[in-house]
Amino acid sequence: MKQAAIILLLSVFFISCKKETNISIVGNWVEDANYYQDSTGQYTWGPTSRWPMNLTFTPDGNCEVFQEMAGSTSSYSYNPSTRELVYGSSAAPVYKVSLLNEEYLILDSYYPGEKTRYRRK
């Protein structure tokens, strides 16, 4: 009985001390879908434009944004605890990261209801 209690205590300890994994925003992302309001007033996921937006976030705080050939590089800041992303100047709009995992990044626009989904390259 005493041995079962020890095993139970150890298993609870190891399960409760499981570390959360922080998924990094660093990497290459390509626009995969857009969330928009259709002609009936409903919001739905739809295709991207012919030339999807590409984002590259580097570990040193730089972000390259390009579409087909035209692009720009600026700084970015991402706060995982508030899930807020700003790229460009400090006066730039703040995006909310509603999903970030190994495969997808969804950025909620500063315009209500608009979202963009990116797939990790």
N, C-alpha and C. Protein backbone atom coordinates (compact mmCIF):
# COMPACT_ATOMS: atom_id res chain seq x y z
N MET A 1 0.82 -1.19 0.00
CA MET A 1 0.00 0.00 0.00
C MET A 1 0.86 1.26 0.00
N LYS A 2 1.90 1.23 0.81
CA LYS A 2 2.80 2.37 0.90
C LYS A 2 3.51 2.61 -0.44
N GLN A 3 3.87 1.52 -1.10
CA GLN A 3 4.55 1.61 -2.39
C GLN A 3 3.60 2.21 -3.45
N ALA A 4 2.33 1.86 -3.43
CA ALA A 4 1.35 2.39 -4.37
C ALA A 4 1.17 3.89 -4.15
N ALA A 5 1.17 4.32 -2.91
CA ALA A 5 1.02 5.74 -2.59
C ALA A 5 2.22 6.54 -3.10
N ILE A 6 3.41 5.98 -2.97
CA ILE A 6 4.63 6.66 -3.46
C ILE A 6 4.59 6.78 -4.98
N ILE A 7 4.19 5.69 -5.64
CA ILE A 7 4.11 5.72 -7.11
C ILE A 7 3.07 6.74 -7.56
N LEU A 8 1.95 6.78 -6.88
CA LEU A 8 0.90 7.75 -7.20
C LEU A 8 1.41 9.18 -7.00
N LEU A 9 2.09 9.42 -5.90
CA LEU A 9 2.62 10.75 -5.61
C LEU A 9 3.65 11.17 -6.67
N LEU A 10 4.54 10.27 -7.04
CA LEU A 10 5.55 10.59 -8.06
C LEU A 10 4.91 10.84 -9.42
N SER A 11 3.92 10.05 -9.78
CA SER A 11 3.27 10.24 -11.08
C SER A 11 2.53 11.58 -11.13
N VAL A 12 1.88 11.96 -10.04
CA VAL A 12 1.20 13.25 -9.98
C VAL A 12 2.22 14.37 -10.10
N PHE A 13 3.36 14.23 -9.44
CA PHE A 13 4.41 15.25 -9.49
C PHE A 13 4.91 15.43 -10.92
N PHE A 14 5.23 14.34 -11.61
CA PHE A 14 5.77 14.45 -12.96
C PHE A 14 4.74 14.95 -13.96
N ILE A 15 3.51 14.58 -13.80
CA ILE A 15 2.47 15.05 -14.71
C ILE A 15 2.19 16.53 -14.48
N SER A 16 2.14 16.97 -13.24
CA SER A 16 1.82 18.37 -12.95
C SER A 16 3.00 19.30 -13.27
N CYS A 17 4.20 18.78 -13.34
CA CYS A 17 5.37 19.61 -13.62
C CYS A 17 5.73 19.61 -15.10
N LYS A 18 4.83 19.15 -15.93
CA LYS A 18 5.09 19.15 -17.36
C LYS A 18 5.27 20.57 -17.85
N LYS A 19 6.37 20.83 -18.55
CA LYS A 19 6.65 22.17 -19.02
C LYS A 19 5.82 22.47 -20.27
N GLU A 20 5.35 23.72 -20.34
CA GLU A 20 4.66 24.16 -21.55
C GLU A 20 5.71 24.48 -22.59
N THR A 21 5.41 24.12 -23.82
CA THR A 21 6.34 24.44 -24.89
C THR A 21 5.91 25.75 -25.53
N ASN A 22 6.85 26.65 -25.67
CA ASN A 22 6.59 27.92 -26.33
C ASN A 22 6.94 27.78 -27.80
N ILE A 23 5.96 27.94 -28.65
CA ILE A 23 6.18 27.88 -30.08
C ILE A 23 6.69 29.25 -30.50
N SER A 24 7.74 29.26 -31.28
CA SER A 24 8.35 30.51 -31.71
C SER A 24 7.71 31.03 -32.99
N ILE A 25 7.60 32.34 -33.07
CA ILE A 25 7.09 32.98 -34.28
C ILE A 25 8.20 33.09 -35.33
N VAL A 26 9.44 32.87 -34.90
CA VAL A 26 10.59 32.97 -35.80
C VAL A 26 10.47 31.91 -36.90
N GLY A 27 10.69 32.36 -38.12
CA GLY A 27 10.63 31.44 -39.26
C GLY A 27 10.02 32.09 -40.48
N ASN A 28 9.79 31.27 -41.49
CA ASN A 28 9.22 31.72 -42.75
C ASN A 28 7.75 31.31 -42.82
N TRP A 29 6.89 32.26 -43.15
CA TRP A 29 5.45 32.04 -43.21
C TRP A 29 4.92 32.53 -44.55
N VAL A 30 3.98 31.80 -45.14
CA VAL A 30 3.34 32.21 -46.38
C VAL A 30 1.83 32.27 -46.16
N GLU A 31 1.22 33.33 -46.68
CA GLU A 31 -0.22 33.53 -46.54
C GLU A 31 -0.97 32.34 -47.13
N ASP A 32 -1.90 31.82 -46.37
CA ASP A 32 -2.59 30.58 -46.72
C ASP A 32 -4.08 30.80 -46.96
N ALA A 33 -4.70 31.70 -46.20
CA ALA A 33 -6.14 31.97 -46.32
C ALA A 33 -6.47 33.29 -45.64
N ASN A 34 -7.60 33.86 -46.04
CA ASN A 34 -8.08 35.11 -45.44
C ASN A 34 -9.50 34.91 -44.93
N TYR A 35 -9.79 35.51 -43.79
CA TYR A 35 -11.10 35.45 -43.16
C TYR A 35 -11.77 36.78 -43.46
N TYR A 36 -12.91 36.73 -44.11
CA TYR A 36 -13.54 37.97 -44.53
C TYR A 36 -15.06 37.81 -44.51
N GLN A 37 -15.75 38.93 -44.65
CA GLN A 37 -17.21 38.93 -44.68
C GLN A 37 -17.66 38.78 -46.13
N ASP A 38 -18.46 37.74 -46.40
CA ASP A 38 -18.92 37.51 -47.77
C ASP A 38 -20.16 38.36 -48.08
N SER A 39 -20.72 38.18 -49.27
CA SER A 39 -21.85 39.00 -49.72
C SER A 39 -23.12 38.79 -48.89
N THR A 40 -23.21 37.68 -48.16
CA THR A 40 -24.38 37.43 -47.32
C THR A 40 -24.20 37.97 -45.90
N GLY A 41 -23.03 38.53 -45.63
CA GLY A 41 -22.76 39.07 -44.29
C GLY A 41 -22.11 38.08 -43.35
N GLN A 42 -21.88 36.86 -43.82
CA GLN A 42 -21.25 35.84 -43.00
C GLN A 42 -19.73 35.92 -43.15
N TYR A 43 -19.03 35.59 -42.06
CA TYR A 43 -17.57 35.54 -42.13
C TYR A 43 -17.14 34.12 -42.48
N THR A 44 -16.16 34.02 -43.36
CA THR A 44 -15.70 32.71 -43.83
C THR A 44 -14.24 32.79 -44.26
N TRP A 45 -13.57 31.64 -44.29
CA TRP A 45 -12.19 31.57 -44.79
C TRP A 45 -12.24 31.47 -46.31
N GLY A 46 -11.41 32.24 -46.96
CA GLY A 46 -11.35 32.22 -48.42
C GLY A 46 -9.91 32.20 -48.90
N PRO A 47 -9.73 32.06 -50.20
CA PRO A 47 -8.38 31.97 -50.76
C PRO A 47 -7.61 33.28 -50.67
N THR A 48 -6.33 33.18 -50.82
CA THR A 48 -5.46 34.37 -50.83
C THR A 48 -5.47 34.97 -52.23
N SER A 49 -4.77 36.06 -52.37
CA SER A 49 -4.63 36.67 -53.69
C SER A 49 -3.70 35.81 -54.54
N ARG A 50 -3.54 36.18 -55.76
CA ARG A 50 -2.67 35.43 -56.69
C ARG A 50 -1.23 35.39 -56.17
N TRP A 51 -0.82 36.46 -55.51
CA TRP A 51 0.52 36.55 -54.96
C TRP A 51 0.43 36.66 -53.45
N PRO A 52 0.53 35.53 -52.74
CA PRO A 52 0.38 35.56 -51.29
C PRO A 52 1.52 36.31 -50.60
N MET A 53 1.18 36.88 -49.46
CA MET A 53 2.15 37.60 -48.65
C MET A 53 3.07 36.60 -47.96
N ASN A 54 4.35 36.94 -47.89
CA ASN A 54 5.34 36.12 -47.20
C ASN A 54 5.93 36.94 -46.06
N LEU A 55 6.06 36.30 -44.90
CA LEU A 55 6.66 36.94 -43.73
C LEU A 55 7.83 36.08 -43.27
N THR A 56 8.94 36.72 -42.97
CA THR A 56 10.08 36.02 -42.39
C THR A 56 10.49 36.76 -41.13
N PHE A 57 10.31 36.09 -39.99
CA PHE A 57 10.69 36.65 -38.69
C PHE A 57 12.03 36.03 -38.29
N THR A 58 13.01 36.87 -37.98
CA THR A 58 14.33 36.39 -37.58
C THR A 58 14.48 36.48 -36.06
N PRO A 59 15.41 35.70 -35.50
CA PRO A 59 15.62 35.74 -34.05
C PRO A 59 16.12 37.09 -33.54
N ASP A 60 16.74 37.88 -34.42
CA ASP A 60 17.28 39.17 -33.98
C ASP A 60 16.27 40.32 -34.07
N GLY A 61 14.98 40.01 -34.31
CA GLY A 61 13.95 41.03 -34.27
C GLY A 61 13.66 41.72 -35.58
N ASN A 62 14.11 41.15 -36.69
CA ASN A 62 13.80 41.73 -38.00
C ASN A 62 12.73 40.91 -38.70
N CYS A 63 11.95 41.60 -39.50
CA CYS A 63 10.88 40.94 -40.25
C CYS A 63 10.98 41.39 -41.71
N GLU A 64 11.00 40.42 -42.60
CA GLU A 64 10.95 40.72 -44.03
C GLU A 64 9.55 40.38 -44.51
N VAL A 65 8.93 41.36 -45.15
CA VAL A 65 7.58 41.19 -45.70
C VAL A 65 7.70 41.33 -47.20
N PHE A 66 7.27 40.33 -47.94
CA PHE A 66 7.32 40.46 -49.39
C PHE A 66 6.17 39.72 -50.05
N GLN A 67 5.83 40.23 -51.23
CA GLN A 67 4.76 39.68 -52.03
C GLN A 67 5.28 39.62 -53.45
N GLU A 68 5.45 38.39 -53.97
CA GLU A 68 6.06 38.16 -55.28
C GLU A 68 7.49 38.68 -55.23
N MET A 69 7.77 39.89 -55.72
CA MET A 69 9.14 40.39 -55.73
C MET A 69 9.34 41.60 -54.83
N ALA A 70 8.32 42.43 -54.68
CA ALA A 70 8.46 43.63 -53.87
C ALA A 70 8.43 43.28 -52.39
N GLY A 71 9.32 43.88 -51.63
CA GLY A 71 9.35 43.58 -50.21
C GLY A 71 10.02 44.67 -49.40
N SER A 72 9.96 44.51 -48.10
CA SER A 72 10.60 45.45 -47.20
C SER A 72 11.04 44.71 -45.95
N THR A 73 12.01 45.28 -45.27
CA THR A 73 12.50 44.71 -44.02
C THR A 73 12.35 45.77 -42.93
N SER A 74 11.86 45.34 -41.79
CA SER A 74 11.72 46.24 -40.65
C SER A 74 11.86 45.42 -39.38
N SER A 75 11.76 46.09 -38.26
CA SER A 75 11.84 45.37 -37.00
C SER A 75 10.44 44.89 -36.61
N TYR A 76 10.40 43.97 -35.67
CA TYR A 76 9.12 43.50 -35.14
C TYR A 76 9.29 43.20 -33.66
N SER A 77 8.17 43.18 -32.96
CA SER A 77 8.19 42.72 -31.58
C SER A 77 6.96 41.85 -31.38
N TYR A 78 7.17 40.74 -30.70
CA TYR A 78 6.08 39.82 -30.39
C TYR A 78 6.13 39.51 -28.91
N ASN A 79 5.00 39.70 -28.23
CA ASN A 79 4.89 39.42 -26.81
C ASN A 79 4.02 38.17 -26.65
N PRO A 80 4.63 37.01 -26.34
CA PRO A 80 3.85 35.77 -26.23
C PRO A 80 2.80 35.80 -25.11
N SER A 81 3.03 36.55 -24.06
CA SER A 81 2.06 36.56 -22.96
C SER A 81 0.79 37.33 -23.34
N THR A 82 0.91 38.41 -24.09
CA THR A 82 -0.27 39.16 -24.54
C THR A 82 -0.69 38.76 -25.95
N ARG A 83 0.17 38.01 -26.63
CA ARG A 83 -0.06 37.55 -28.01
C ARG A 83 -0.21 38.73 -28.98
N GLU A 84 0.54 39.80 -28.72
CA GLU A 84 0.50 40.98 -29.58
C GLU A 84 1.76 41.05 -30.44
N LEU A 85 1.54 41.35 -31.72
CA LEU A 85 2.62 41.46 -32.69
C LEU A 85 2.57 42.83 -33.34
N VAL A 86 3.72 43.49 -33.37
CA VAL A 86 3.86 44.76 -34.07
C VAL A 86 5.06 44.63 -34.99
N TYR A 87 4.86 44.88 -36.28
CA TYR A 87 6.03 44.97 -37.14
C TYR A 87 5.99 46.27 -37.90
N GLY A 88 7.16 46.83 -38.06
CA GLY A 88 7.27 48.17 -38.60
C GLY A 88 7.57 49.13 -37.46
N SER A 89 7.11 50.34 -37.58
CA SER A 89 7.38 51.34 -36.55
C SER A 89 6.50 51.12 -35.33
N SER A 90 6.84 51.80 -34.27
CA SER A 90 6.05 51.66 -33.05
C SER A 90 4.66 52.24 -33.22
N ALA A 91 4.46 53.08 -34.24
CA ALA A 91 3.15 53.63 -34.54
C ALA A 91 2.31 52.68 -35.39
N ALA A 92 2.89 51.54 -35.78
CA ALA A 92 2.18 50.57 -36.62
C ALA A 92 1.07 49.91 -35.84
N PRO A 93 0.07 49.41 -36.54
CA PRO A 93 -1.04 48.74 -35.85
C PRO A 93 -0.57 47.48 -35.12
N VAL A 94 -1.27 47.13 -34.07
CA VAL A 94 -0.97 45.93 -33.30
C VAL A 94 -1.85 44.80 -33.81
N TYR A 95 -1.23 43.67 -34.12
CA TYR A 95 -1.97 42.47 -34.53
C TYR A 95 -2.07 41.53 -33.35
N LYS A 96 -3.16 40.83 -33.24
CA LYS A 96 -3.34 39.82 -32.20
C LYS A 96 -3.08 38.47 -32.84
N VAL A 97 -2.24 37.67 -32.21
CA VAL A 97 -1.95 36.32 -32.68
C VAL A 97 -2.99 35.40 -32.05
N SER A 98 -3.99 34.99 -32.84
CA SER A 98 -5.04 34.14 -32.28
C SER A 98 -4.67 32.67 -32.35
N LEU A 99 -3.68 32.32 -33.19
CA LEU A 99 -3.19 30.94 -33.24
C LEU A 99 -1.73 30.95 -33.65
N LEU A 100 -0.93 30.20 -32.93
CA LEU A 100 0.47 30.00 -33.29
C LEU A 100 0.83 28.59 -32.88
N ASN A 101 1.12 27.76 -33.87
CA ASN A 101 1.61 26.41 -33.61
C ASN A 101 2.70 26.09 -34.62
N GLU A 102 3.15 24.86 -34.65
CA GLU A 102 4.25 24.51 -35.56
C GLU A 102 3.87 24.66 -37.03
N GLU A 103 2.58 24.63 -37.33
CA GLU A 103 2.13 24.64 -38.72
C GLU A 103 1.51 25.97 -39.16
N TYR A 104 0.75 26.63 -38.28
CA TYR A 104 0.00 27.82 -38.67
C TYR A 104 0.20 29.00 -37.73
N LEU A 105 0.02 30.19 -38.32
CA LEU A 105 0.02 31.46 -37.60
C LEU A 105 -1.22 32.20 -38.09
N ILE A 106 -2.12 32.60 -37.18
CA ILE A 106 -3.27 33.41 -37.57
C ILE A 106 -3.15 34.76 -36.90
N LEU A 107 -3.15 35.81 -37.74
CA LEU A 107 -3.07 37.18 -37.25
C LEU A 107 -4.44 37.84 -37.40
N ASP A 108 -4.97 38.32 -36.28
CA ASP A 108 -6.22 39.08 -36.31
C ASP A 108 -5.86 40.52 -36.66
N SER A 109 -6.51 41.05 -37.66
CA SER A 109 -6.26 42.41 -38.10
C SER A 109 -6.78 43.41 -37.10
N TYR A 110 -6.31 44.62 -37.22
CA TYR A 110 -6.83 45.70 -36.40
C TYR A 110 -8.20 46.13 -36.91
N TYR A 111 -8.60 45.65 -38.11
CA TYR A 111 -9.97 45.85 -38.61
C TYR A 111 -10.82 44.70 -38.07
N PRO A 112 -11.92 44.98 -37.40
CA PRO A 112 -12.73 43.92 -36.78
C PRO A 112 -13.16 42.85 -37.79
N GLY A 113 -12.99 41.59 -37.38
CA GLY A 113 -13.44 40.47 -38.18
C GLY A 113 -12.46 39.98 -39.23
N GLU A 114 -11.42 40.74 -39.54
CA GLU A 114 -10.48 40.32 -40.57
C GLU A 114 -9.30 39.58 -39.95
N LYS A 115 -8.97 38.44 -40.54
CA LYS A 115 -7.86 37.61 -40.08
C LYS A 115 -7.12 37.09 -41.29
N THR A 116 -5.85 36.78 -41.10
CA THR A 116 -5.05 36.15 -42.14
C THR A 116 -4.35 34.95 -41.54
N ARG A 117 -4.44 33.84 -42.27
CA ARG A 117 -3.76 32.61 -41.81
C ARG A 117 -2.52 32.41 -42.67
N TYR A 118 -1.42 32.13 -41.98
CA TYR A 118 -0.14 31.84 -42.63
C TYR A 118 0.26 30.41 -42.31
N ARG A 119 0.90 29.77 -43.27
CA ARG A 119 1.41 28.42 -43.11
C ARG A 119 2.93 28.49 -43.03
N ARG A 120 3.52 27.74 -42.12
CA ARG A 120 4.98 27.75 -42.00
C ARG A 120 5.58 27.06 -43.21
N LYS A 121 6.59 27.69 -43.78
CA LYS A 121 7.28 27.10 -44.95
C LYS A 121 8.24 26.04 -44.49
